[in-house]
Protein backbone atom coordinates (compact mmCIF):
# COMPACT_ATOMS: atom_id res chain seq x y z
CA MET A 1 -17.71 -9.27 -34.68
CA THR A 2 -15.90 -6.14 -35.79
CA THR A 3 -12.22 -6.68 -36.55
CA SER A 4 -9.41 -4.80 -34.82
CA GLY A 5 -8.81 -2.77 -37.97
CA GLU A 6 -12.44 -1.69 -38.18
CA ALA A 7 -12.59 -0.70 -34.51
CA ALA A 8 -10.20 2.17 -35.12
CA HIS A 9 -12.73 3.74 -37.50
CA MET A 10 -15.68 3.44 -35.13
CA SER A 11 -16.67 5.51 -32.14
CA GLU A 12 -19.77 5.42 -30.00
CA ASP A 13 -20.88 8.50 -28.08
CA TRP A 14 -20.25 6.96 -24.67
CA TRP A 15 -16.76 5.69 -25.47
CA VAL A 16 -13.88 7.34 -23.64
CA TYR A 17 -11.28 4.85 -24.82
CA ARG A 18 -11.48 4.42 -28.61
CA GLY A 19 -8.79 1.83 -29.28
CA THR A 20 -7.02 3.88 -31.94
CA GLY A 21 -3.63 4.25 -30.25
CA VAL A 22 -3.76 8.01 -30.82
CA PRO A 23 -3.49 10.05 -27.57
CA HIS A 24 -6.46 12.31 -26.86
CA PRO A 25 -8.05 14.08 -23.84
CA GLY A 26 -11.12 11.82 -23.80
CA ILE A 27 -10.71 11.00 -20.10
CA SER A 28 -12.03 14.50 -19.36
CA GLU A 29 -15.33 13.39 -20.92
CA LEU A 30 -15.77 10.51 -18.47
CA PRO A 31 -19.07 11.11 -16.61
CA PRO A 32 -19.14 11.18 -12.79
CA ALA A 33 -18.95 7.84 -11.04
CA PRO A 34 -22.18 6.09 -10.02
CA ALA A 35 -23.22 6.97 -6.49
CA TRP A 36 -22.21 3.49 -5.28
CA ARG A 37 -18.70 3.91 -6.74
CA THR A 38 -17.96 7.49 -5.63
CA PHE A 39 -14.91 7.96 -3.43
CA GLY A 40 -13.74 11.07 -1.58
CA ALA A 41 -13.68 14.39 -3.39
CA PRO A 42 -14.53 14.55 -7.11
CA SER A 43 -11.67 14.16 -9.56
CA GLY A 44 -9.74 17.22 -10.57
CA PRO A 45 -9.93 19.65 -7.63
CA ALA A 46 -6.95 21.81 -6.69
CA GLY A 47 -4.43 19.78 -4.78
CA HIS A 48 -4.93 16.52 -6.65
CA PRO A 49 -1.76 15.99 -8.71
CA ALA A 50 -1.80 14.79 -12.30
CA PRO A 51 -0.16 11.45 -13.05
CA PRO A 52 3.57 11.70 -13.81
CA PRO A 53 4.71 11.78 -17.45
CA ALA A 54 4.31 8.54 -19.33
CA GLU A 55 7.21 6.18 -19.76
CA GLY A 56 9.20 6.87 -22.87
CA SER A 57 10.69 10.20 -21.85
CA ALA A 58 14.39 10.86 -22.26
CA ALA A 59 14.93 9.08 -18.95
CA GLY A 60 13.11 5.94 -20.12
CA THR A 61 14.99 2.72 -20.75
CA ALA A 62 15.02 0.99 -24.11
CA ARG A 63 12.65 -1.64 -22.73
CA ARG A 64 10.17 1.02 -21.67
CA LEU A 65 10.43 2.72 -25.04
CA GLY A 66 9.68 -0.60 -26.71
CA ARG A 67 6.68 -1.10 -24.46
CA LEU A 68 5.43 2.39 -25.31
CA GLN A 69 5.76 1.64 -29.01
CA GLN A 70 3.86 -1.61 -28.54
CA ALA A 71 1.09 0.20 -26.64
CA ALA A 72 0.79 2.87 -29.32
CA SER A 73 0.45 0.26 -32.06
CA TYR A 74 -2.10 -1.91 -30.24
CA ARG A 75 -5.48 -1.92 -31.98
CA ALA A 76 -8.29 -3.15 -29.79
CA ASP A 77 -11.28 -4.82 -31.42
CA GLU A 78 -14.82 -3.63 -30.73
CA LYS A 79 -15.45 -6.05 -27.86
CA GLU A 80 -12.26 -4.97 -26.08
CA VAL A 81 -13.08 -1.28 -26.53
CA GLN A 82 -16.61 -1.80 -25.23
CA LEU A 83 -15.51 -3.62 -22.09
CA VAL A 84 -12.67 -1.22 -21.28
CA ASN A 85 -15.21 1.59 -21.42
CA LEU A 86 -17.61 -0.34 -19.21
CA ALA A 87 -14.86 -0.67 -16.60
CA LEU A 88 -14.09 3.05 -16.86
CA HIS A 89 -17.72 4.16 -16.56
CA LEU A 90 -18.60 1.74 -13.75
CA ARG A 91 -15.28 2.19 -11.91
CA ARG A 92 -14.90 -1.57 -11.74
CA PRO A 93 -11.80 -3.78 -12.20
CA LEU A 94 -11.34 -5.32 -15.65
CA LEU A 95 -10.48 -9.04 -15.48
CA ILE A 96 -8.86 -10.17 -18.74
CA THR A 97 -8.43 -13.87 -19.46
CA GLY A 98 -6.70 -15.51 -22.39
CA LYS A 99 -3.79 -17.68 -23.40
CA PRO A 100 -0.24 -16.44 -22.73
CA GLY A 101 1.00 -13.94 -25.29
CA VAL A 102 -2.36 -12.74 -26.67
CA GLY A 103 -1.89 -9.15 -25.51
CA LYS A 104 -3.67 -9.08 -22.13
CA SER A 105 -1.05 -6.89 -20.45
CA THR A 106 -0.52 -4.76 -23.54
CA LEU A 107 -4.13 -3.60 -23.43
CA ALA A 108 -3.47 -1.91 -20.06
CA TYR A 109 -0.52 -0.01 -21.55
CA ALA A 110 -2.56 0.89 -24.63
CA VAL A 111 -5.34 2.46 -22.52
CA ALA A 112 -2.85 4.43 -20.40
CA HIS A 113 -1.08 5.67 -23.54
CA GLU A 114 -4.21 6.74 -25.41
CA LEU A 115 -5.88 8.46 -22.43
CA GLY A 116 -2.75 10.05 -20.97
CA LEU A 117 -3.00 8.30 -17.61
CA GLY A 118 0.72 8.19 -16.90
CA PRO A 119 2.98 5.16 -16.44
CA VAL A 120 1.19 1.89 -15.80
CA LEU A 121 1.60 0.71 -12.22
CA ARG A 122 2.43 -2.99 -12.53
CA TRP A 123 2.07 -5.57 -9.76
CA PRO A 124 3.35 -8.99 -10.94
CA ILE A 125 1.74 -11.79 -8.92
CA SER A 126 3.37 -14.96 -7.66
CA SER A 127 2.17 -17.74 -5.36
CA ARG A 128 3.72 -15.83 -2.43
CA SER A 129 2.02 -12.49 -3.13
CA VAL A 130 -0.18 -11.05 -0.38
CA LEU A 131 -2.32 -7.92 -0.24
CA ARG A 132 0.26 -6.01 1.78
CA ASP A 133 2.76 -6.35 -1.11
CA GLY A 134 0.52 -4.27 -3.33
CA LEU A 135 -0.35 -1.68 -0.68
CA TYR A 136 2.95 -0.69 0.93
CA ALA A 137 6.24 -1.88 2.39
CA TYR A 138 7.80 -0.61 5.61
CA ASP A 139 11.47 -1.14 6.42
CA ALA A 140 11.25 -1.03 10.22
CA ILE A 141 14.63 -2.69 10.71
CA GLY A 142 16.37 -0.20 8.47
CA ARG A 143 14.79 2.67 10.39
CA LEU A 144 15.87 1.23 13.72
CA HIS A 145 19.38 0.73 12.41
CA ASP A 146 19.63 4.31 11.18
CA ALA A 147 18.30 5.60 14.48
CA GLY A 148 21.24 4.04 16.24
CA ILE A 149 19.09 1.77 18.41
CA ARG A 150 22.00 -0.61 18.77
CA GLY A 151 23.57 1.49 21.45
CA SER A 152 24.59 4.88 20.09
CA GLY A 153 21.72 6.71 21.78
CA ALA A 154 22.37 9.79 19.63
CA PRO A 155 19.27 11.50 18.20
CA CYS A 156 18.89 11.26 14.46
CA PRO A 157 19.27 14.64 12.71
CA ASP A 158 16.29 14.09 10.41
CA ALA A 159 13.88 12.88 13.10
CA ALA A 160 10.33 13.98 12.42
CA ALA A 161 9.31 16.67 14.86
CA GLY A 162 6.21 15.76 16.84
CA SER A 163 6.10 12.31 15.30
CA GLY A 164 5.91 10.57 18.63
CA ASP A 165 8.98 8.63 17.58
CA ALA A 166 11.72 10.65 19.26
CA GLY A 167 15.19 10.05 17.91
CA ALA A 168 13.97 8.04 14.92
CA PRO A 169 14.46 9.14 11.31
CA ALA A 170 11.43 10.46 9.43
CA ILE A 171 9.27 7.47 8.66
CA GLY A 172 8.69 8.41 5.03
CA ARG A 173 12.22 7.40 4.09
CA TYR A 174 11.38 3.82 5.00
CA LEU A 175 7.79 3.48 3.82
CA ARG A 176 7.02 2.99 0.15
CA LEU A 177 3.56 2.62 -1.35
CA GLY A 178 3.20 -0.38 -3.62
CA PRO A 179 1.54 -0.34 -7.06
CA LEU A 180 -1.97 -0.71 -5.62
CA GLY A 181 -1.27 1.81 -2.87
CA THR A 182 0.07 4.33 -5.39
CA ALA A 183 -2.92 3.82 -7.69
CA LEU A 184 -5.25 4.63 -4.78
CA LEU A 185 -3.69 8.04 -4.11
CA PRO A 186 -6.02 10.96 -4.96
CA TRP A 187 -4.97 11.69 -8.55
CA SER A 188 -6.67 14.21 -10.81
CA ARG A 189 -7.06 11.44 -13.39
CA PRO A 190 -7.40 7.73 -12.67
CA ARG A 191 -4.18 5.73 -12.86
CA VAL A 192 -3.92 2.38 -14.61
CA LEU A 193 -2.95 -0.52 -12.33
CA LEU A 194 -1.95 -3.83 -13.93
CA ILE A 195 -2.24 -6.81 -11.57
CA ASP A 196 -0.48 -9.34 -13.76
CA GLU A 197 -1.31 -13.07 -13.67
CA ILE A 198 -3.69 -12.99 -10.71
CA ASP A 199 -4.37 -16.70 -11.24
CA LYS A 200 -0.88 -17.46 -9.88
CA SER A 201 -1.81 -16.03 -6.49
CA ASP A 202 -2.56 -17.76 -3.23
CA ILE A 203 -6.23 -18.73 -2.99
CA ASP A 204 -6.92 -15.90 -0.51
CA LEU A 205 -5.62 -12.92 -2.49
CA PRO A 206 -8.69 -12.32 -4.73
CA ASN A 207 -10.94 -12.20 -1.65
CA ASP A 208 -8.44 -9.99 0.20
CA LEU A 209 -8.61 -7.48 -2.64
CA LEU A 210 -12.39 -7.11 -2.38
CA ASN A 211 -12.47 -4.73 0.59
CA VAL A 212 -9.91 -2.40 -0.98
CA PHE A 213 -11.79 -2.45 -4.28
CA GLU A 214 -15.05 -1.65 -2.52
CA GLU A 215 -13.78 1.04 -0.15
CA GLY A 216 -11.16 2.69 -2.37
CA GLU A 217 -8.92 3.27 0.63
CA PHE A 218 -6.74 1.58 3.22
CA ASP A 219 -5.08 2.40 6.53
CA ILE A 220 -1.33 2.35 7.20
CA PRO A 221 -1.03 1.55 10.93
CA GLU A 222 2.61 2.68 11.08
CA LEU A 223 1.46 6.19 10.12
CA SER A 224 -1.86 6.20 11.98
CA ARG A 225 -0.21 5.65 15.33
CA LEU A 226 1.92 8.77 14.85
CA GLY A 227 -1.21 10.86 15.29
CA PRO A 228 -3.01 13.40 13.07
CA GLY A 229 -1.18 15.09 10.23
CA GLY A 230 0.36 14.28 6.90
CA HIS A 231 3.48 12.20 6.30
CA GLU A 232 5.50 12.20 3.10
CA VAL A 233 6.23 8.69 1.83
CA MET A 234 7.80 7.16 -1.26
CA THR A 235 5.60 5.79 -4.03
CA ALA A 236 5.85 3.17 -6.78
CA ASP A 237 6.60 6.01 -9.24
CA THR A 238 10.39 6.20 -9.35
CA GLY A 239 11.72 9.23 -7.54
CA ARG A 240 8.29 10.55 -6.51
CA THR A 241 6.71 10.98 -3.11
CA ALA A 242 3.21 11.66 -1.79
CA VAL A 243 1.74 12.99 1.44
CA VAL A 244 -0.57 10.58 3.27
CA PRO A 245 -2.93 12.42 5.66
CA ASP A 246 -3.73 10.79 9.00
CA GLY A 247 -2.34 7.45 7.87
CA VAL A 248 -5.08 6.80 5.29
CA VAL A 249 -4.61 6.45 1.53
CA ALA A 250 -7.95 7.24 -0.13
CA CYS A 251 -8.61 7.67 -3.84
CA ALA A 252 -10.53 10.57 -5.35
CA GLU A 253 -11.27 8.52 -8.49
CA PHE A 254 -11.13 4.73 -8.61
CA PRO A 255 -8.19 3.62 -10.79
CA LEU A 256 -8.57 1.48 -13.87
CA VAL A 257 -7.53 -1.87 -12.42
CA VAL A 258 -6.63 -4.44 -15.07
CA LEU A 259 -6.19 -7.99 -13.81
CA THR A 260 -4.83 -10.61 -16.19
CA SER A 261 -5.34 -14.36 -15.97
CA ASN A 262 -4.18 -17.28 -18.09
CA ALA A 263 -7.40 -19.08 -17.10
CA GLU A 264 -5.48 -21.57 -14.99
CA ARG A 265 -7.90 -21.40 -12.05
CA GLU A 266 -11.40 -20.36 -11.04
CA PHE A 267 -12.10 -17.28 -8.93
CA PRO A 268 -14.60 -16.77 -6.09
CA THR A 269 -18.06 -15.66 -7.18
CA ALA A 270 -17.85 -12.55 -4.98
CA PHE A 271 -14.67 -11.53 -6.80
CA LEU A 272 -16.09 -12.15 -10.27
CA ARG A 273 -19.26 -10.21 -9.41
CA ARG A 274 -17.22 -7.06 -8.89
CA CYS A 275 -15.26 -7.33 -12.14
CA VAL A 276 -15.98 -6.58 -15.79
CA ARG A 277 -14.82 -9.76 -17.54
CA LEU A 278 -13.09 -9.81 -20.92
CA ASP A 279 -11.90 -12.93 -22.76
CA ILE A 280 -9.26 -12.20 -25.40
CA GLU A 281 -9.04 -14.65 -28.27
CA PRO A 282 -5.73 -15.44 -30.02
CA PRO A 283 -4.90 -12.72 -32.58
CA ASP A 284 -5.70 -13.09 -36.25
CA GLU A 285 -3.25 -12.54 -39.11
CA GLN A 286 -3.92 -8.81 -39.30
CA ARG A 287 -3.28 -8.20 -35.60
CA LEU A 288 -0.17 -10.39 -35.61
CA ALA A 289 1.24 -8.42 -38.55
CA ALA A 290 0.62 -5.14 -36.70
CA MET A 291 2.28 -6.49 -33.56
CA VAL A 292 5.30 -7.67 -35.50
CA ALA A 293 5.65 -4.30 -37.24
CA ALA A 294 5.48 -2.52 -33.87
CA HIS A 295 8.34 -4.59 -32.50
CA LEU A 296 10.51 -5.22 -35.54
CA GLY A 297 9.73 -2.30 -37.83
CA ASP A 298 8.20 -2.32 -41.28
CA GLY A 299 10.28 -5.26 -42.45
CA ILE A 300 11.14 -3.85 -45.86
CA GLY A 301 12.65 -6.69 -47.87
CA THR A 302 11.37 -9.40 -45.54
CA GLU A 303 7.63 -9.19 -46.23
CA VAL A 304 7.42 -12.64 -47.85
CA GLN A 305 9.32 -14.25 -44.99
CA ARG A 306 7.08 -12.57 -42.41
CA VAL A 307 3.88 -13.59 -44.14
CA ALA A 308 5.07 -17.18 -44.38
CA LEU A 309 6.07 -17.45 -40.71
CA ILE A 310 2.88 -15.79 -39.49
CA ALA A 311 0.86 -18.21 -41.63
CA GLU A 312 2.80 -21.17 -40.21
CA PHE A 313 2.29 -19.85 -36.66
CA LEU A 314 -1.48 -19.64 -37.18
CA ARG A 315 -1.65 -22.99 -38.99
CA ARG A 316 0.00 -24.78 -36.08
CA GLN A 317 -2.45 -23.22 -33.65
CA ARG A 318 -5.48 -23.97 -35.81
CA GLU A 319 -4.68 -27.45 -37.13
CA ASN A 320 -2.45 -28.95 -34.45
CA GLY A 321 -3.87 -27.30 -31.34
CA ALA A 322 -0.40 -26.01 -30.53
CA GLU A 323 -0.06 -23.52 -27.68
CA LEU A 324 2.20 -20.80 -29.05
CA ALA A 325 2.83 -17.37 -27.51
CA ASN A 326 3.24 -14.22 -29.55
CA ASP A 327 6.75 -13.68 -28.23
CA GLN A 328 7.76 -17.02 -29.80
CA LEU A 329 6.71 -15.64 -33.17
CA LEU A 330 8.69 -12.44 -32.53
CA ASN A 331 11.79 -14.44 -31.60
CA ALA A 332 11.45 -16.58 -34.72
CA LEU A 333 11.02 -13.59 -37.02
CA LEU A 334 13.88 -11.66 -35.41
CA MET A 335 16.33 -14.52 -35.88
CA ALA A 336 15.02 -15.28 -39.37
CA GLU A 337 15.66 -11.67 -40.39
CA ARG A 338 19.15 -11.87 -38.87
CA GLY A 339 20.04 -14.77 -41.17
CA LEU A 340 18.96 -17.91 -39.34
CA ALA A 341 16.54 -18.76 -42.15
CA ASP A 342 19.33 -18.77 -44.75
CA SER A 343 20.28 -22.40 -44.11
CA GLU A 344 18.37 -25.65 -43.76
CA LEU A 345 19.72 -26.17 -40.24
CA GLY A 346 18.65 -22.64 -39.28
CA ARG A 347 15.16 -23.10 -40.69
CA SER A 348 14.84 -26.29 -38.65
CA ALA A 349 15.83 -24.36 -35.51
CA ILE A 350 13.14 -21.77 -36.22
CA HIS A 351 10.40 -24.36 -36.63
CA ASP A 352 11.52 -26.98 -34.10
CA VAL A 353 13.02 -24.79 -31.35
CA LEU A 354 11.68 -21.24 -31.52
CA LEU A 355 8.18 -22.30 -32.58
CA ARG A 356 8.01 -25.41 -30.41
CA PRO A 357 4.51 -25.61 -28.85
CA LEU A 358 4.32 -24.85 -25.14
CA ASN A 359 2.07 -27.88 -24.62
CA GLU A 360 4.58 -30.25 -26.21
CA GLY A 361 6.61 -32.30 -23.75
């Protein structure tokens, strides 16, 4: 198997994503979708907007800037690059499984960064998540309140003309597309949608996603019943809106959907059949060192300490079967470099608290 360092120096003719972390216009080289995965008009016609600028602009928060730096430094190995490209070419979701902290989510950000696909649309999953959460949310009560339904009877000044909802405010102020709904808008380039920890979902959610994945569109009844025409609604991109024609959100190009799983449950066969499946193994010493450098800098003056802690982290995983997440290593190194490792008590805290295995009671 080619290592992550070697992958950056390789490139196959059919690769769009190369795993180098260096932005490039390779998405323009993506061939047309297979006939069975073609949706709406081809990508790129006039009227299809480009994705918004990537996170990390002057308006970005420090957390987003850190995430961008992590994405830029991520080096995918050959297997990861191959399977990301399969998902891109086939327009199929990419299901990534692996232990917590191995970089499943980071891969989605790395692809978006390298291919210039805009901010990643993230949908974190819980046991209460349902399909509607990812598609859109409609604040009907807020709209009724603003319309003065409770007795004022005065028409609302921003009521949508011809909406069939006389006296009510324009519906778009109260309807926001979710991450999945925003990803399915007709963009000139596919967006990246991260459905994080799908294995935490209710048993029905994977099957509920199948129809949307197959059709590449969905209906918003609250808009459809207003009749023909476009309605401007809010999106999951902060401060941005989109026009939804005739109450239907339909993609021009299927998004790159990345689903992550900690392998805590099995999925229906019908769901798995429609996904490209990638298992990510725990990182080796080289990848851990690159990850640490991305988060904590070059570590000038602390190289020996870093090497020792990374070696201990890997030894515990290999010899003791300890479940350790990468963020535990980052926490340990951060505090070690801030002086915690200067005393015996501090070193004990690093090893017994910060690097305590997740599978230890």
